[in-house]
């Protein structure tokens, strides 16, 4: 799994845990189009500032975002 795929899965996982739709994430100061681009795979390099804003929207730390088995065995990105 790539970091982009793991990020999308983690976002969907957090939405599911909180019983909110992906559209509700945009309350974190990120536009709906940006959230859609991340989830749809149009954006494959989500920056840490964007991750931090998403975390703020979920009311979690960046550490908590990445504290998931999804990020344990990522594919090598540099080849």
PDB file of N, CA and C in Angstrom:
ATOM      1  N   UNK A   1       0.843  -1.167   0.000  1.00  0.00           N
ATOM      2  CA  UNK A   1       0.000   0.000   0.000  1.00  0.00           C
ATOM      3  C   UNK A   1       0.893   1.236   0.000  1.00  0.00           C
ATOM      4  N   UNK A   2       0.494   2.254  -0.743  1.00  0.00           N
ATOM      5  CA  UNK A   2       1.251   3.505  -0.775  1.00  0.00           C
ATOM      6  C   UNK A   2       0.793   4.413   0.369  1.00  0.00           C
ATOM      7  N   UNK A   3       1.568   5.445   0.630  1.00  0.00           N
ATOM      8  CA  UNK A   3       1.198   6.405   1.669  1.00  0.00           C
ATOM      9  C   UNK A   3      -0.114   7.107   1.311  1.00  0.00           C
ATOM     10  N   UNK A   4      -0.329   7.387   0.026  1.00  0.00           N
ATOM     11  CA  UNK A   4      -1.565   8.030  -0.405  1.00  0.00           C
ATOM     12  C   UNK A   4      -2.766   7.127  -0.133  1.00  0.00           C
ATOM     13  N   UNK A   5      -2.632   5.853  -0.450  1.00  0.00           N
ATOM     14  CA  UNK A   5      -3.725   4.905  -0.198  1.00  0.00           C
ATOM     15  C   UNK A   5      -3.983   4.756   1.298  1.00  0.00           C
ATOM     16  N   UNK A   6      -2.934   4.701   2.089  1.00  0.00           N
ATOM     17  CA  UNK A   6      -3.089   4.578   3.537  1.00  0.00           C
ATOM     18  C   UNK A   6      -3.755   5.825   4.112  1.00  0.00           C
ATOM     19  N   UNK A   7      -3.402   6.984   3.581  1.00  0.00           N
ATOM     20  CA  UNK A   7      -3.997   8.241   4.055  1.00  0.00           C
ATOM     21  C   UNK A   7      -5.493   8.257   3.780  1.00  0.00           C
ATOM     22  N   UNK A   8      -5.888   7.864   2.589  1.00  0.00           N
ATOM     23  CA  UNK A   8      -7.314   7.822   2.244  1.00  0.00           C
ATOM     24  C   UNK A   8      -8.048   6.836   3.154  1.00  0.00           C
ATOM     25  N   UNK A   9      -7.490   5.651   3.324  1.00  0.00           N
ATOM     26  CA  UNK A   9      -8.132   4.651   4.183  1.00  0.00           C
ATOM     27  C   UNK A   9      -8.260   5.161   5.612  1.00  0.00           C
ATOM     28  N   UNK A  10      -7.230   5.856   6.091  1.00  0.00           N
ATOM     29  CA  UNK A  10      -7.283   6.399   7.457  1.00  0.00           C
ATOM     30  C   UNK A  10      -8.355   7.474   7.568  1.00  0.00           C
ATOM     31  N   UNK A  11      -8.477   8.345   6.569  1.00  0.00           N
ATOM     32  CA  UNK A  11      -9.532   9.362   6.584  1.00  0.00           C
ATOM     33  C   UNK A  11     -10.909   8.720   6.629  1.00  0.00           C
ATOM     34  N   UNK A  12     -11.114   7.719   5.795  1.00  0.00           N
ATOM     35  CA  UNK A  12     -12.410   7.033   5.767  1.00  0.00           C
ATOM     36  C   UNK A  12     -12.676   6.304   7.079  1.00  0.00           C
ATOM     37  N   UNK A  13     -11.629   5.735   7.650  1.00  0.00           N
ATOM     38  CA  UNK A  13     -11.734   5.051   8.935  1.00  0.00           C
ATOM     39  C   UNK A  13     -12.153   6.028  10.036  1.00  0.00           C
ATOM     40  N   UNK A  14     -11.521   7.192  10.065  1.00  0.00           N
ATOM     41  CA  UNK A  14     -11.866   8.198  11.075  1.00  0.00           C
ATOM     42  C   UNK A  14     -13.286   8.720  10.887  1.00  0.00           C
ATOM     43  N   UNK A  15     -13.700   8.888   9.648  1.00  0.00           N
ATOM     44  CA  UNK A  15     -15.084   9.307   9.380  1.00  0.00           C
ATOM     45  C   UNK A  15     -16.063   8.255   9.886  1.00  0.00           C
ATOM     46  N   UNK A  16     -15.773   7.015   9.604  1.00  0.00           N
ATOM     47  CA  UNK A  16     -16.636   5.918  10.036  1.00  0.00           C
ATOM     48  C   UNK A  16     -16.725   5.851  11.557  1.00  0.00           C
ATOM     49  N   UNK A  17     -15.575   5.980  12.220  1.00  0.00           N
ATOM     50  CA  UNK A  17     -15.557   5.943  13.685  1.00  0.00           C
ATOM     51  C   UNK A  17     -16.404   7.056  14.296  1.00  0.00           C
ATOM     52  N   UNK A  18     -16.450   8.203  13.615  1.00  0.00           N
ATOM     53  CA  UNK A  18     -17.170   9.360  14.135  1.00  0.00           C
ATOM     54  C   UNK A  18     -18.560   9.506  13.521  1.00  0.00           C
ATOM     55  N   UNK A  19     -18.905   8.574  12.641  1.00  0.00           N
ATOM     56  CA  UNK A  19     -20.208   8.585  11.979  1.00  0.00           C
ATOM     57  C   UNK A  19     -20.462   9.903  11.247  1.00  0.00           C
ATOM     58  N   UNK A  20     -19.441  10.350  10.497  1.00  0.00           N
ATOM     59  CA  UNK A  20     -19.587  11.548   9.679  1.00  0.00           C
ATOM     60  C   UNK A  20     -19.223  11.204   8.244  1.00  0.00           C
ATOM     61  N   UNK A  21     -19.707  12.025   7.334  1.00  0.00           N
ATOM     62  CA  UNK A  21     -19.381  11.812   5.933  1.00  0.00           C
ATOM     63  C   UNK A  21     -18.073  12.512   5.598  1.00  0.00           C
ATOM     64  N   UNK A  22     -17.490  12.119   4.509  1.00  0.00           N
ATOM     65  CA  UNK A  22     -16.253  12.736   4.054  1.00  0.00           C
ATOM     66  C   UNK A  22     -16.471  14.224   3.790  1.00  0.00           C
ATOM     67  N   UNK A  23     -17.683  14.608   3.429  1.00  0.00           N
ATOM     68  CA  UNK A  23     -17.994  16.014   3.170  1.00  0.00           C
ATOM     69  C   UNK A  23     -17.876  16.869   4.432  1.00  0.00           C
ATOM     70  N   UNK A  24     -18.102  16.291   5.575  1.00  0.00           N
ATOM     71  CA  UNK A  24     -18.023  17.030   6.836  1.00  0.00           C
ATOM     72  C   UNK A  24     -16.596  17.404   7.201  1.00  0.00           C
ATOM     73  N   UNK A  25     -15.611  16.735   6.631  1.00  0.00           N
ATOM     74  CA  UNK A  25     -14.221  17.038   6.958  1.00  0.00           C
ATOM     75  C   UNK A  25     -13.860  18.449   6.549  1.00  0.00           C
ATOM     76  N   UNK A  26     -14.538  18.988   5.549  1.00  0.00           N
ATOM     77  CA  UNK A  26     -14.184  20.313   5.054  1.00  0.00           C
ATOM     78  C   UNK A  26     -14.368  21.399   6.109  1.00  0.00           C
ATOM     79  N   UNK A  27     -14.996  21.081   7.235  1.00  0.00           N
ATOM     80  CA  UNK A  27     -15.119  22.063   8.313  1.00  0.00           C
ATOM     81  C   UNK A  27     -13.767  22.363   8.950  1.00  0.00           C
ATOM     82  N   UNK A  28     -12.770  21.582   8.621  1.00  0.00           N
ATOM     83  CA  UNK A  28     -11.445  21.761   9.202  1.00  0.00           C
ATOM     84  C   UNK A  28     -10.642  22.853   8.504  1.00  0.00           C
ATOM     85  N   UNK A  29     -11.250  23.595   7.593  1.00  0.00           N
ATOM     86  CA  UNK A  29     -10.544  24.660   6.893  1.00  0.00           C
ATOM     87  C   UNK A  29      -9.971  24.218   5.563  1.00  0.00           C
ATOM     88  N   UNK A  30     -10.312  23.036   5.150  1.00  0.00           N
ATOM     89  CA  UNK A  30      -9.870  22.515   3.854  1.00  0.00           C
ATOM     90  C   UNK A  30     -11.092  22.510   2.944  1.00  0.00           C
ATOM     91  N   UNK A  31     -10.902  22.946   1.721  1.00  0.00           N
ATOM     92  CA  UNK A  31     -12.034  22.995   0.810  1.00  0.00           C
ATOM     93  C   UNK A  31     -12.541  21.596   0.485  1.00  0.00           C
ATOM     94  N   UNK A  32     -13.800  21.532   0.145  1.00  0.00           N
ATOM     95  CA  UNK A  32     -14.411  20.260  -0.225  1.00  0.00           C
ATOM     96  C   UNK A  32     -13.712  19.653  -1.430  1.00  0.00           C
ATOM     97  N   UNK A  33     -13.291  20.501  -2.361  1.00  0.00           N
ATOM     98  CA  UNK A  33     -12.618  19.972  -3.552  1.00  0.00           C
ATOM     99  C   UNK A  33     -11.276  19.334  -3.185  1.00  0.00           C
ATOM    100  N   UNK A  34     -10.569  19.896  -2.229  1.00  0.00           N
ATOM    101  CA  UNK A  34      -9.299  19.311  -1.795  1.00  0.00           C
ATOM    102  C   UNK A  34      -9.534  17.958  -1.141  1.00  0.00           C
ATOM    103  N   UNK A  35     -10.532  17.886  -0.270  1.00  0.00           N
ATOM    104  CA  UNK A  35     -10.861  16.616   0.381  1.00  0.00           C
ATOM    105  C   UNK A  35     -11.247  15.585  -0.672  1.00  0.00           C
ATOM    106  N   UNK A  36     -12.057  15.983  -1.633  1.00  0.00           N
ATOM    107  CA  UNK A  36     -12.469  15.072  -2.707  1.00  0.00           C
ATOM    108  C   UNK A  36     -11.273  14.605  -3.519  1.00  0.00           C
ATOM    109  N   UNK A  37     -10.354  15.509  -3.820  1.00  0.00           N
ATOM    110  CA  UNK A  37      -9.158  15.145  -4.584  1.00  0.00           C
ATOM    111  C   UNK A  37      -8.316  14.119  -3.829  1.00  0.00           C
ATOM    112  N   UNK A  38      -8.215  14.272  -2.518  1.00  0.00           N
ATOM    113  CA  UNK A  38      -7.447  13.319  -1.708  1.00  0.00           C
ATOM    114  C   UNK A  38      -8.120  11.953  -1.746  1.00  0.00           C
ATOM    115  N   UNK A  39      -9.409  11.936  -1.469  1.00  0.00           N
ATOM    116  CA  UNK A  39     -10.151  10.678  -1.374  1.00  0.00           C
ATOM    117  C   UNK A  39     -10.255   9.981  -2.726  1.00  0.00           C
ATOM    118  N   UNK A  40     -10.403  10.746  -3.793  1.00  0.00           N
ATOM    119  CA  UNK A  40     -10.534  10.165  -5.125  1.00  0.00           C
ATOM    120  C   UNK A  40      -9.200   9.801  -5.759  1.00  0.00           C
ATOM    121  N   UNK A  41      -8.099  10.145  -5.099  1.00  0.00           N
ATOM    122  CA  UNK A  41      -6.788   9.796  -5.620  1.00  0.00           C
ATOM    123  C   UNK A  41      -6.218  10.778  -6.621  1.00  0.00           C
ATOM    124  N   UNK A  42      -6.902  11.891  -6.838  1.00  0.00           N
ATOM    125  CA  UNK A  42      -6.391  12.920  -7.738  1.00  0.00           C
ATOM    126  C   UNK A  42      -5.134  13.546  -7.152  1.00  0.00           C
ATOM    127  N   UNK A  43      -5.159  13.757  -5.835  1.00  0.00           N
ATOM    128  CA  UNK A  43      -3.987  14.239  -5.110  1.00  0.00           C
ATOM    129  C   UNK A  43      -3.336  13.042  -4.444  1.00  0.00           C
ATOM    130  N   UNK A  44      -2.102  12.771  -4.801  1.00  0.00           N
ATOM    131  CA  UNK A  44      -1.417  11.606  -4.232  1.00  0.00           C
ATOM    132  C   UNK A  44      -0.284  12.003  -3.294  1.00  0.00           C
ATOM    133  N   UNK A  45      -0.108  13.304  -3.089  1.00  0.00           N
ATOM    134  CA  UNK A  45       0.967  13.769  -2.227  1.00  0.00           C
ATOM    135  C   UNK A  45       0.402  14.799  -1.253  1.00  0.00           C
ATOM    136  N   UNK A  46      -0.399  14.341  -0.320  1.00  0.00           N
ATOM    137  CA  UNK A  46      -1.026  15.230   0.651  1.00  0.00           C
ATOM    138  C   UNK A  46       0.031  15.753   1.616  1.00  0.00           C
ATOM    139  N   UNK A  47       0.143  17.060   1.700  1.00  0.00           N
ATOM    140  CA  UNK A  47       1.164  17.678   2.546  1.00  0.00           C
ATOM    141  C   UNK A  47       0.828  17.584   4.025  1.00  0.00           C
ATOM    142  N   UNK A  48       1.844  17.749   4.845  1.00  0.00           N
ATOM    143  CA  UNK A  48       1.672  17.643   6.286  1.00  0.00           C
ATOM    144  C   UNK A  48       0.793  18.764   6.832  1.00  0.00           C
ATOM    145  N   UNK A  49       0.808  19.935   6.202  1.00  0.00           N
ATOM    146  CA  UNK A  49      -0.066  21.029   6.646  1.00  0.00           C
ATOM    147  C   UNK A  49      -1.526  20.627   6.446  1.00  0.00           C
ATOM    148  N   UNK A  50      -1.808  20.004   5.330  1.00  0.00           N
ATOM    149  CA  UNK A  50      -3.168  19.524   5.065  1.00  0.00           C
ATOM    150  C   UNK A  50      -3.547  18.424   6.053  1.00  0.00           C
ATOM    151  N   UNK A  51      -2.624  17.501   6.313  1.00  0.00           N
ATOM    152  CA  UNK A  51      -2.878  16.447   7.299  1.00  0.00           C
ATOM    153  C   UNK A  51      -3.176  17.065   8.657  1.00  0.00           C
ATOM    154  N   UNK A  52      -2.407  18.094   9.037  1.00  0.00           N
ATOM    155  CA  UNK A  52      -2.627  18.759  10.330  1.00  0.00           C
ATOM    156  C   UNK A  52      -4.005  19.387  10.385  1.00  0.00           C
ATOM    157  N   UNK A  53      -4.437  20.027   9.315  1.00  0.00           N
ATOM    158  CA  UNK A  53      -5.777  20.627   9.276  1.00  0.00           C
ATOM    159  C   UNK A  53      -6.851  19.551   9.386  1.00  0.00           C
ATOM    160  N   UNK A  54      -6.643  18.433   8.704  1.00  0.00           N
ATOM    161  CA  UNK A  54      -7.594  17.324   8.817  1.00  0.00           C
ATOM    162  C   UNK A  54      -7.647  16.824  10.255  1.00  0.00           C
ATOM    163  N   UNK A  55      -6.489  16.698  10.872  1.00  0.00           N
ATOM    164  CA  UNK A  55      -6.427  16.262  12.270  1.00  0.00           C
ATOM    165  C   UNK A  55      -7.168  17.239  13.177  1.00  0.00           C
ATOM    166  N   UNK A  56      -6.994  18.525  12.929  1.00  0.00           N
ATOM    167  CA  UNK A  56      -7.719  19.534  13.706  1.00  0.00           C
ATOM    168  C   UNK A  56      -9.222  19.340  13.558  1.00  0.00           C
ATOM    169  N   UNK A  57      -9.660  19.036  12.340  1.00  0.00           N
ATOM    170  CA  UNK A  57     -11.085  18.788  12.102  1.00  0.00           C
ATOM    171  C   UNK A  57     -11.599  17.559  12.841  1.00  0.00           C
ATOM    172  N   UNK A  58     -10.760  16.561  12.967  1.00  0.00           N
ATOM    173  CA  UNK A  58     -11.123  15.347  13.702  1.00  0.00           C
ATOM    174  C   UNK A  58     -10.853  15.486  15.203  1.00  0.00           C
ATOM    175  N   UNK A  59     -10.203  16.586  15.579  1.00  0.00           N
ATOM    176  CA  UNK A  59      -9.818  16.835  16.969  1.00  0.00           C
ATOM    177  C   UNK A  59      -8.879  15.742  17.490  1.00  0.00           C
ATOM    178  N   UNK A  60      -7.883  15.427  16.654  1.00  0.00           N
ATOM    179  CA  UNK A  60      -6.855  14.454  17.032  1.00  0.00           C
ATOM    180  C   UNK A  60      -5.486  15.050  16.710  1.00  0.00           C
ATOM    181  N   UNK A  61      -4.451  14.463  17.256  1.00  0.00           N
ATOM    182  CA  UNK A  61      -3.093  14.906  16.954  1.00  0.00           C
ATOM    183  C   UNK A  61      -2.612  14.239  15.663  1.00  0.00           C
ATOM    184  N   UNK A  62      -1.572  14.803  15.099  1.00  0.00           N
ATOM    185  CA  UNK A  62      -0.951  14.200  13.920  1.00  0.00           C
ATOM    186  C   UNK A  62      -0.432  12.809  14.289  1.00  0.00           C
ATOM    187  N   UNK A  63       0.110  12.694  15.494  1.00  0.00           N
ATOM    188  CA  UNK A  63       0.588  11.394  15.970  1.00  0.00           C
ATOM    189  C   UNK A  63      -0.549  10.371  15.975  1.00  0.00           C
ATOM    190  N   UNK A  64      -1.723  10.779  16.436  1.00  0.00           N
ATOM    191  CA  UNK A  64      -2.869   9.868  16.472  1.00  0.00           C
ATOM    192  C   UNK A  64      -3.308   9.479  15.060  1.00  0.00           C
ATOM    193  N   UNK A  65      -3.187  10.410  14.115  1.00  0.00           N
ATOM    194  CA  UNK A  65      -3.560  10.105  12.738  1.00  0.00           C
ATOM    195  C   UNK A  65      -2.705   8.965  12.189  1.00  0.00           C
ATOM    196  N   UNK A  66      -1.397   9.060  12.412  1.00  0.00           N
ATOM    197  CA  UNK A  66      -0.488   8.067  11.863  1.00  0.00           C
ATOM    198  C   UNK A  66      -0.335   6.832  12.752  1.00  0.00           C
ATOM    199  N   UNK A  67      -0.959   6.840  13.914  1.00  0.00           N
ATOM    200  CA  UNK A  67      -0.895   5.691  14.821  1.00  0.00           C
ATOM    201  C   UNK A  67      -1.941   4.661  14.406  1.00  0.00           C
ATOM    202  N   UNK A  68      -1.680   4.021  13.291  1.00  0.00           N
ATOM    203  CA  UNK A  68      -2.601   3.052  12.706  1.00  0.00           C
ATOM    204  C   UNK A  68      -1.779   1.986  11.993  1.00  0.00           C
ATOM    205  N   UNK A  69      -2.221   0.746  12.041  1.00  0.00           N
ATOM    206  CA  UNK A  69      -1.523  -0.322  11.313  1.00  0.00           C
ATOM    207  C   UNK A  69      -1.434  -0.058   9.804  1.00  0.00           C
ATOM    208  N   UNK A  70      -2.282   0.815   9.302  1.00  0.00           N
ATOM    209  CA  UNK A  70      -2.245   1.140   7.871  1.00  0.00           C
ATOM    210  C   UNK A  70      -0.882   1.679   7.445  1.00  0.00           C
ATOM    211  N   UNK A  71      -0.188   2.306   8.366  1.00  0.00           N
ATOM    212  CA  UNK A  71       1.085   2.935   8.033  1.00  0.00           C
ATOM    213  C   UNK A  71       2.293   2.068   8.388  1.00  0.00           C
ATOM    214  N   UNK A  72       2.045   0.853   8.826  1.00  0.00           N
ATOM    215  CA  UNK A  72       3.142  -0.016   9.257  1.00  0.00           C
ATOM    216  C   UNK A  72       3.971  -0.597   8.110  1.00  0.00           C
ATOM    217  N   UNK A  73       3.342  -1.027   7.054  1.00  0.00           N
ATOM    218  CA  UNK A  73       4.049  -1.721   5.967  1.00  0.00           C
ATOM    219  C   UNK A  73       3.793  -1.042   4.627  1.00  0.00           C
ATOM    220  N   UNK A  74       4.262   0.182   4.489  1.00  0.00           N
ATOM    221  CA  UNK A  74       4.054   0.929   3.256  1.00  0.00           C
ATOM    222  C   UNK A  74       5.060   0.509   2.198  1.00  0.00           C
ATOM    223  N   UNK A  75       4.638   0.637   0.945  1.00  0.00           N
ATOM    224  CA  UNK A  75       5.542   0.354  -0.166  1.00  0.00           C
ATOM    225  C   UNK A  75       6.655   1.388  -0.206  1.00  0.00           C
ATOM    226  N   UNK A  76       7.789   0.990  -0.735  1.00  0.00           N
ATOM    227  CA  UNK A  76       8.893   1.916  -0.944  1.00  0.00           C
ATOM    228  C   UNK A  76       8.467   2.928  -2.008  1.00  0.00           C
ATOM    229  N   UNK A  77       8.512   4.218  -1.701  1.00  0.00           N
ATOM    230  CA  UNK A  77       8.082   5.254  -2.642  1.00  0.00           C
ATOM    231  C   UNK A  77       9.181   5.648  -3.612  1.00  0.00           C
ATOM    232  N   UNK A  78      10.433   5.571  -3.191  1.00  0.00           N
ATOM    233  CA  UNK A  78      11.555   5.936  -4.044  1.00  0.00           C
ATOM    234  C   UNK A  78      12.122   4.666  -4.662  1.00  0.00           C
ATOM    235  N   UNK A  79      12.241   4.673  -5.954  1.00  0.00           N
ATOM    236  CA  UNK A  79      12.734   3.476  -6.640  1.00  0.00           C
ATOM    237  C   UNK A  79      13.947   3.805  -7.469  1.00  0.00           C
TER     238      UNK A  79
END
